[in-house]
Amino acid sequence: MKNKLDLEEQEILDAFEKGSLKPVKNLEKKLAEAKETARNTFNKNKRINLRLTERDFRLAHIKGLEEGIPYQTLLSSIIHKYLAGRIIEIKQ
């Protein structure tokens, strides 16, 4: 079974197969920077208090259970996706 690659992945594979990839200068430094960026991406170091209606709180709990994640993680994910522009408001 073949995996479907997105455009970027296919370009990387093509470059690898052609042998046109070049080594990164300062590999250790670049790896350290990438690891730090990855760590910071998921580093939740700020706490907030958020007041919700009883209905929204209950729905967040239910949806979290359906998704198999804690409701706090669900709400954090929703906020992150909205701020990153991956969730948009539909005005009626």
Protein backbone atom coordinates (compact mmCIF):
# COMPACT_ATOMS: atom_id res chain seq x y z
CA MET A 1 0.00 0.00 0.00
CA LYS A 2 1.40 3.39 -0.98
CA ASN A 3 1.14 6.39 1.31
CA LYS A 4 -0.19 9.56 -0.22
CA LEU A 5 2.27 12.42 0.06
CA ASP A 6 1.40 16.09 0.09
CA LEU A 7 3.18 18.40 -2.35
CA GLU A 8 5.97 19.36 0.07
CA GLU A 9 6.64 15.72 1.01
CA GLN A 10 6.73 14.72 -2.65
CA GLU A 11 9.22 17.49 -3.45
CA ILE A 12 11.48 16.31 -0.61
CA LEU A 13 11.27 12.70 -1.78
CA ASP A 14 12.03 13.71 -5.37
CA ALA A 15 15.06 15.75 -4.27
CA PHE A 16 16.29 12.84 -2.13
CA GLU A 17 15.92 10.36 -4.99
CA LYS A 18 17.79 12.73 -7.37
CA GLY A 19 20.56 13.17 -4.81
CA SER A 20 20.17 16.94 -4.85
CA LEU A 21 19.81 17.40 -1.11
CA LYS A 22 22.71 19.15 0.59
CA PRO A 23 23.91 18.74 4.18
CA VAL A 24 22.97 21.44 6.64
CA LYS A 25 25.80 23.57 7.94
CA ASN A 26 26.06 23.63 11.74
CA LEU A 27 23.87 20.53 12.04
CA GLU A 28 24.12 20.32 15.83
CA LYS A 29 23.05 23.96 16.21
CA LYS A 30 20.15 23.52 13.77
CA LEU A 31 19.00 20.37 15.58
CA ALA A 32 19.15 22.14 18.94
CA GLU A 33 17.11 25.06 17.54
CA ALA A 34 14.51 22.70 16.06
CA LYS A 35 14.21 20.78 19.34
CA GLU A 36 13.80 24.01 21.31
CA THR A 37 11.12 25.22 18.90
CA ALA A 38 9.27 21.91 19.20
CA ARG A 39 9.46 22.04 22.99
CA ASN A 40 8.16 25.60 23.09
CA THR A 41 5.34 24.83 20.71
CA PHE A 42 3.66 22.57 23.24
CA ASN A 43 4.98 24.15 26.43
CA LYS A 44 1.90 25.24 28.33
CA ASN A 45 3.29 27.63 30.89
CA LYS A 46 0.43 30.09 31.39
CA ARG A 47 -2.61 29.43 33.51
CA ILE A 48 -5.89 31.25 33.03
CA ASN A 49 -9.25 31.27 34.75
CA LEU A 50 -12.10 31.09 32.31
CA ARG A 51 -15.74 31.51 33.20
CA LEU A 52 -18.19 29.51 31.10
CA THR A 53 -21.90 28.98 31.17
CA GLU A 54 -22.95 25.71 32.76
CA ARG A 55 -24.14 24.51 29.34
CA ASP A 56 -20.81 25.26 27.60
CA PHE A 57 -18.88 23.66 30.47
CA ARG A 58 -21.01 20.50 30.22
CA LEU A 59 -20.69 20.39 26.42
CA ALA A 60 -16.89 20.77 26.67
CA HIS A 61 -16.79 17.82 29.08
CA ILE A 62 -18.96 15.70 26.80
CA LYS A 63 -16.97 16.58 23.67
CA GLY A 64 -13.71 15.90 25.51
CA LEU A 65 -14.98 12.46 26.50
CA GLU A 66 -16.04 11.77 22.90
CA GLU A 67 -12.58 12.80 21.65
CA GLY A 68 -10.80 10.93 24.44
CA ILE A 69 -9.05 14.02 25.79
CA PRO A 70 -9.51 16.19 28.90
CA TYR A 71 -11.85 19.12 28.41
CA GLN A 72 -9.02 21.55 29.25
CA THR A 73 -6.95 20.15 26.36
CA LEU A 74 -9.95 20.44 24.06
CA LEU A 75 -10.56 24.08 25.00
CA SER A 76 -6.85 24.90 24.67
CA SER A 77 -6.81 23.31 21.20
CA ILE A 78 -9.86 25.27 20.10
CA ILE A 79 -8.35 28.56 21.30
CA HIS A 80 -5.04 27.76 19.57
CA LYS A 81 -6.71 26.84 16.28
CA TYR A 82 -8.86 29.99 16.34
CA LEU A 83 -5.90 32.26 17.04
CA ALA A 84 -3.88 30.53 14.30
CA GLY A 85 -6.70 31.21 11.83
CA ARG A 86 -7.65 27.56 11.40
CA ILE A 87 -11.13 28.16 12.84
CA ILE A 88 -13.17 31.04 11.49
CA GLU A 89 -16.36 32.64 12.69
CA ILE A 90 -19.32 32.25 10.34
CA LYS A 91 -21.45 35.39 10.48
CA GLN A 92 -25.08 34.93 9.66
